[in-house]
Protein backbone atom coordinates (compact mmCIF):
# COMPACT_ATOMS: atom_id res chain seq x y z
CA LYS A 1 2.93 -33.98 17.89
CA ARG A 2 3.37 -30.26 18.54
CA LYS A 3 6.84 -28.74 18.51
CA ASP A 4 7.54 -25.10 19.27
CA VAL A 5 9.60 -23.17 16.74
CA SER A 6 11.58 -19.98 17.36
CA GLY A 7 13.77 -17.75 15.24
CA LEU A 8 12.71 -15.97 12.06
CA PHE A 9 9.28 -17.68 12.05
CA GLY A 10 7.90 -18.04 15.55
CA GLY A 11 5.07 -20.43 16.37
CA TYR A 12 4.83 -24.19 16.29
CA VAL A 13 4.67 -27.12 13.89
CA LEU A 14 2.34 -30.10 14.02
CA CYS A 15 4.23 -33.21 12.96
CA PRO A 16 2.56 -36.40 11.75
CA GLU A 17 2.24 -39.29 14.19
CA TYR A 18 5.05 -41.84 14.25
CA SER A 19 2.71 -44.56 13.05
CA THR A 20 1.72 -42.40 10.07
CA LEU A 21 5.34 -42.05 8.99
CA CYS A 22 6.73 -45.47 9.83
CA GLY A 23 3.84 -47.75 10.68
CA ALA A 24 2.88 -49.10 14.08
CA THR A 25 6.07 -51.16 14.44
CA GLY A 26 8.38 -48.84 12.52
CA ALA A 27 8.93 -51.41 9.78
CA HIS A 28 6.96 -49.63 7.06
CA GLY A 29 8.67 -46.32 6.79
CA PRO A 30 9.65 -43.68 6.58
CA ARG A 31 6.83 -42.75 4.22
CA ARG A 32 7.89 -39.65 2.30
CA GLY A 33 5.58 -36.82 1.33
CA GLN A 34 3.56 -36.77 4.53
CA GLU A 35 2.25 -33.30 5.32
CA PHE A 36 2.93 -31.39 8.50
CA LEU A 37 1.29 -28.15 9.56
CA PHE A 38 2.96 -24.86 10.40
CA PRO A 39 0.08 -22.68 11.59
CA GLY A 40 0.27 -18.93 11.26
CA VAL A 41 0.98 -16.64 14.20
CA MET A 42 -1.44 -13.95 15.35
CA ARG A 43 0.28 -10.57 15.55
CA HIS A 44 -1.47 -7.22 15.97
CA GLY A 45 -4.84 -8.76 15.17
CA ARG A 46 -3.87 -10.51 11.93
CA CYS A 47 -2.63 -13.96 11.02
CA VAL A 48 0.99 -13.88 9.80
CA CYS A 49 1.34 -16.81 7.44
CA PRO A 50 4.35 -19.11 7.46
CA PRO A 51 6.17 -20.08 4.25
CA GLY A 52 3.98 -22.29 2.09
CA SER A 53 0.61 -20.76 2.95
CA LEU A 54 -1.35 -17.62 2.18
CA GLY A 55 -4.73 -16.01 2.81
CA ALA A 56 -6.16 -14.11 5.76
CA ASP A 57 -6.38 -17.35 7.74
CA CYS A 58 -3.29 -19.00 6.16
CA SER A 59 -5.45 -21.87 4.92
CA VAL A 60 -4.46 -21.72 1.22
CA SER A 61 -1.38 -23.46 -0.15
CA ASP A 62 1.15 -21.04 -1.60
CA THR A 63 1.30 -22.17 -5.23
CA LYS A 64 1.67 -20.25 -8.47
CA GLU A 65 -1.93 -20.99 -9.44
CA ASN A 66 -3.28 -19.94 -6.04
CA ARG A 67 -1.34 -16.68 -6.12
CA GLN A 68 -3.20 -15.78 -9.31
CA ASN A 69 -6.62 -16.70 -7.91
CA TYR A 70 -6.33 -15.57 -4.29
CA PRO A 71 -5.40 -12.11 -3.01
CA PHE A 72 -1.75 -12.21 -1.98
CA GLY A 73 0.85 -9.86 -0.55
CA LEU A 74 -1.13 -6.77 0.49
CA ARG A 75 1.23 -3.85 1.08
CA TYR A 76 1.09 -0.13 1.82
CA PRO A 77 3.85 2.42 1.13
CA GLN A 78 4.55 2.68 4.85
CA GLN A 79 3.41 0.93 8.01
CA GLU A 80 3.80 3.64 10.64
CA PHE A 81 1.84 6.92 10.54
CA LEU A 82 2.55 9.72 13.03
CA LEU A 83 -0.17 12.32 12.46
CA LYS A 84 -1.32 15.57 14.05
CA VAL A 85 -4.82 16.81 14.68
CA GLY A 86 -5.86 19.30 12.01
CA VAL A 87 -3.08 18.38 9.57
CA PRO A 88 -4.32 16.54 6.44
CA LEU A 89 -2.69 13.19 5.80
CA SER A 90 -1.22 14.48 2.53
CA GLN A 91 0.65 17.20 4.45
CA SER A 92 1.94 15.01 7.28
CA PRO A 93 5.73 15.34 7.67
CA GLY A 94 6.38 11.59 7.81
CA LEU A 95 4.45 10.72 4.65
CA VAL A 96 6.49 8.89 1.98
CA ALA A 97 3.94 8.51 -0.86
CA TRP A 98 0.66 9.96 -2.06
CA PRO A 99 -1.97 8.73 -2.39
CA VAL A 100 -1.62 6.14 0.37
CA ARG A 101 -2.94 3.27 -1.70
CA PRO A 102 -2.43 -0.48 -1.46
CA SER A 103 -0.62 -2.86 -3.76
CA LEU A 104 -0.91 -6.62 -4.17
CA LEU A 105 1.83 -8.98 -5.26
CA ASP A 106 -0.77 -11.05 -7.08
CA GLY A 107 -4.42 -12.01 -7.13
CA PRO A 108 -7.73 -11.04 -8.75
CA ASN A 109 -8.21 -7.59 -10.27
CA LEU A 110 -11.47 -6.75 -8.51
CA MET A 111 -11.00 -6.23 -4.78
CA SER A 112 -12.89 -4.74 -1.85
CA PHE A 113 -11.42 -3.43 1.39
CA ARG A 114 -12.33 -3.10 5.03
CA VAL A 115 -10.47 -2.04 8.17
CA SER A 116 -10.69 -3.01 11.83
CA PRO A 117 -10.96 -1.34 14.28
CA GLU A 118 -12.52 1.91 13.08
CA LEU A 119 -9.96 4.47 11.93
CA PRO A 120 -9.29 7.60 13.99
CA TYR A 121 -11.94 10.24 13.57
CA GLY A 122 -11.43 12.19 10.33
CA LEU A 123 -9.61 9.44 8.43
CA GLU A 124 -11.24 7.10 5.93
CA LEU A 125 -10.45 4.08 3.82
CA LEU A 126 -12.04 4.28 0.37
CA ASP A 127 -11.26 1.53 -2.15
CA GLY A 128 -8.23 0.70 -0.03
CA VAL A 129 -6.87 4.28 -0.18
CA LEU A 130 -6.19 5.95 3.16
CA SER A 131 -7.00 9.68 3.28
CA GLY A 132 -8.55 12.42 5.38
CA GLU A 133 -7.62 14.78 8.19
CA PRO A 134 -7.51 13.56 11.79
CA LEU A 135 -9.74 15.67 14.02
CA ALA A 136 -9.14 14.08 17.43
CA SER A 137 -6.11 12.65 19.18
CA SER A 138 -5.65 8.91 19.30
CA PRO A 139 -2.95 6.70 20.88
CA ARG A 140 -0.85 4.37 18.75
CA GLN A 141 -3.11 1.61 17.48
CA ALA A 142 -2.76 -1.27 15.04
CA TYR A 143 -5.32 -1.29 12.22
CA VAL A 144 -5.85 -4.43 10.16
CA ILE A 145 -6.78 -3.75 6.54
CA GLU A 146 -8.28 -6.66 4.63
CA ALA A 147 -8.44 -6.93 0.85
CA PHE A 148 -11.01 -9.50 -0.21
CA SER A 149 -12.62 -10.97 -3.30
CA TRP A 150 -14.98 -13.83 -3.93
CA THR A 151 -12.08 -16.31 -3.66
CA GLY A 152 -10.58 -15.16 -0.37
CA SER A 153 -8.71 -12.35 1.34
CA THR A 154 -5.35 -11.11 2.55
CA THR A 155 -4.43 -8.64 5.27
CA ALA A 156 -1.91 -5.96 6.17
CA VAL A 157 -1.44 -3.97 9.36
CA ILE A 158 -0.66 -0.27 9.74
CA PHE A 159 -0.05 1.72 12.92
CA ILE A 160 -1.55 5.17 13.39
CA THR A 161 -0.82 7.70 16.14
CA VAL A 162 -2.64 11.03 16.20
CA ALA A 163 -1.02 13.65 18.41
CA CYS A 164 -2.61 16.89 19.51
CA GLU A 165 -0.84 20.08 20.56
CA GLY A 166 -2.47 22.86 22.53
CA ALA A 167 -5.00 23.11 25.32
CA GLY A 168 -8.00 23.09 22.99
CA CYS A 169 -7.25 19.75 21.36
CA ALA A 170 -10.03 17.20 21.22
CA ALA A 171 -9.37 13.81 22.75
CA THR A 172 -12.63 12.37 21.45
CA PRO A 173 -14.60 13.07 18.26
CA PRO A 174 -17.72 15.23 18.26
CA PRO A 175 -20.82 13.04 18.76
CA THR A 176 -22.81 14.54 15.87
CA THR A 177 -20.85 12.98 12.99
CA SER A 178 -19.21 9.62 12.38
CA GLY A 179 -16.44 10.46 9.93
CA ALA A 180 -14.94 12.94 7.54
CA SER A 181 -14.23 12.75 3.87
CA THR A 182 -11.64 14.53 1.79
CA ALA A 183 -12.87 16.47 -1.22
CA SER A 184 -11.01 16.21 -4.49
CA PRO A 185 -8.99 19.32 -5.35
CA THR A 186 -9.87 21.46 -8.34
CA PRO A 187 -7.70 20.41 -11.32
CA THR A 188 -5.05 22.91 -12.43
CA THR A 189 -2.90 23.04 -15.51
CA GLY A 190 0.42 24.49 -14.44
CA ALA A 191 2.69 21.44 -13.96
CA GLY A 192 6.28 22.05 -14.93
CA SER A 193 7.59 19.14 -17.01
CA GLY A 194 11.02 20.75 -17.22
CA THR A 195 11.92 19.42 -13.73
CA ALA A 196 12.08 15.80 -14.96
CA VAL A 197 15.63 14.49 -15.23
CA THR A 198 15.33 10.71 -15.76
CA VAL A 199 12.76 8.38 -17.23
CA SER A 200 12.42 4.63 -16.72
CA ASN A 201 9.51 2.26 -17.12
CA ARG A 202 8.17 -1.18 -16.39
CA PRO A 203 5.03 -2.77 -17.89
CA GLY A 204 2.06 -0.51 -17.26
CA LEU A 205 4.01 2.04 -15.22
CA LEU A 206 6.24 5.01 -16.04
CA LEU A 207 8.53 6.43 -13.37
CA LEU A 208 9.77 10.02 -13.59
CA ALA A 209 12.36 11.22 -11.08
CA LEU A 210 12.22 14.98 -10.52
CA ASN A 211 14.75 17.54 -9.33
CA VAL A 212 12.18 18.80 -6.85
CA PRO A 213 12.22 17.52 -3.24
CA PHE A 214 9.16 15.55 -2.21
CA ARG A 215 8.75 17.69 0.93
CA GLU A 216 8.73 20.85 -1.18
CA LEU A 217 5.89 19.57 -3.35
CA GLN A 218 4.08 18.45 -0.23
CA GLN A 219 3.98 22.05 1.01
CA GLU A 220 3.54 23.91 -2.28
CA PRO A 221 1.41 23.36 -4.30
CA GLY A 222 0.40 20.27 -2.28
CA LEU A 223 0.44 16.65 -3.41
CA GLU A 224 -3.21 16.53 -4.43
CA VAL A 225 -2.92 19.66 -6.57
CA PHE A 226 0.37 18.55 -8.11
CA ALA A 227 -1.12 15.16 -9.06
CA GLN A 228 -3.91 16.99 -10.90
CA GLU A 229 -1.33 19.17 -12.66
CA VAL A 230 0.56 16.07 -13.81
CA LYS A 231 -2.66 14.62 -15.22
CA ALA A 232 -3.33 17.87 -17.08
CA VAL A 233 0.16 17.93 -18.62
CA PHE A 234 -0.09 14.33 -19.81
CA GLN A 235 -3.46 15.06 -21.38
CA MET A 236 -2.48 18.33 -23.08
CA VAL A 237 1.06 17.45 -24.18
CA PHE A 238 0.95 13.69 -24.70
CA TYR A 239 -2.81 13.16 -25.21
CA VAL A 240 -2.86 10.48 -22.51
CA ASP A 241 -5.60 10.38 -19.90
CA LEU A 242 -4.13 9.12 -16.64
CA THR A 243 -6.36 7.36 -14.14
CA ASN A 244 -3.74 6.83 -11.44
CA VAL A 245 -0.91 9.18 -10.55
CA GLY A 246 1.30 8.56 -7.53
CA ILE A 247 3.98 10.75 -6.00
CA SER A 248 6.57 9.20 -3.71
CA ALA A 249 9.85 10.14 -2.05
CA ALA A 250 13.04 8.56 -3.43
CA ASP A 251 15.90 7.58 -1.12
CA ASP A 252 17.63 10.88 -1.86
CA GLY A 253 14.48 12.88 -1.06
CA ARG A 254 13.53 13.74 -4.64
CA ALA A 255 9.96 13.33 -5.79
CA VAL A 256 9.13 10.44 -8.09
CA ILE A 257 5.99 10.39 -10.23
CA GLU A 258 4.35 7.03 -10.88
CA ALA A 259 1.91 7.08 -13.77
CA ALA A 260 -0.04 4.13 -15.11
CA VAL A 261 -0.15 4.44 -18.91
CA PRO A 262 -1.52 2.24 -21.69
CA LEU A 263 1.00 -0.43 -22.66
CA GLN A 264 0.66 0.36 -26.37
CA ARG A 265 1.67 3.98 -25.72
CA GLN A 266 4.71 3.29 -23.56
CA PRO A 267 7.51 3.28 -26.20
CA GLN A 268 6.20 6.42 -27.91
CA LEU A 269 5.47 8.17 -24.62
CA GLU A 270 8.90 7.42 -23.23
CA GLU A 271 10.53 8.93 -26.32
CA GLU A 272 8.30 12.00 -26.14
CA LEU A 273 9.21 12.47 -22.50
CA ARG A 274 12.92 12.19 -23.28
CA LEU A 275 12.54 14.88 -25.95
CA GLN A 276 10.64 17.11 -23.54
CA ILE A 277 13.38 16.72 -20.97
CA ALA A 278 16.17 17.37 -23.49
CA ASP A 279 14.42 20.43 -24.99
CA ARG A 280 14.93 23.21 -22.46
CA ALA A 281 12.52 25.44 -24.35
CA SER A 282 9.70 23.06 -23.46
CA SER A 283 10.08 23.95 -19.78
């Protein structure tokens, strides 16, 4: 029997038949452990799973073992993007982290990504990372990003609005091309490690809070360039080659560097960083 449910989790539940629980006459029940279904709810083109289920279609039971084998908990640093034509995503005023890359609460290591519908002209999704420069205006639209592996998939939704100012703004993309890519910046070597004030870490990740505002770095030298400078400093000073460097905005507006480092180097690297911060001559 179907019963509508409202509140925190909207939708409906499908309860077992009375005869299944208590028998035809009611004399053989109640039988405990009978399953009932709480289907997911479609919102903005994706299935929002209820408690106890996971997966893009909410068909997988939410167990510890399944969380390790199935993609689970796809997230992006932010859900709403208000962009302007001609302004690269990395320079957008409302950005809170760079690069705009996904994270998973659990699941397989090897993942692929796809997005529906097609992103606004000039933006791209490469290995789950959102980047590019919007080149035509676009109204607010929900975009469903799916992370999938051979076992299954999980989804997240982001909202993108591309505004255009001025009489010459394009409302539609030029017909000759189908997308735009963002070239990698040329690496530089001038990062200033003396701006770091605190160091903390968790397995596989070092966090460095800086005295520099995130918005300031966003404008000069730019987040892409600064990320390359951080990589250069880690390689030259600490002899660590970083594959992933992230820059995000803390609650107080300061920039925070996220750097994935080898686990075996973490204790030594943390101590080296503390010495660098304490030694003013190193800045």
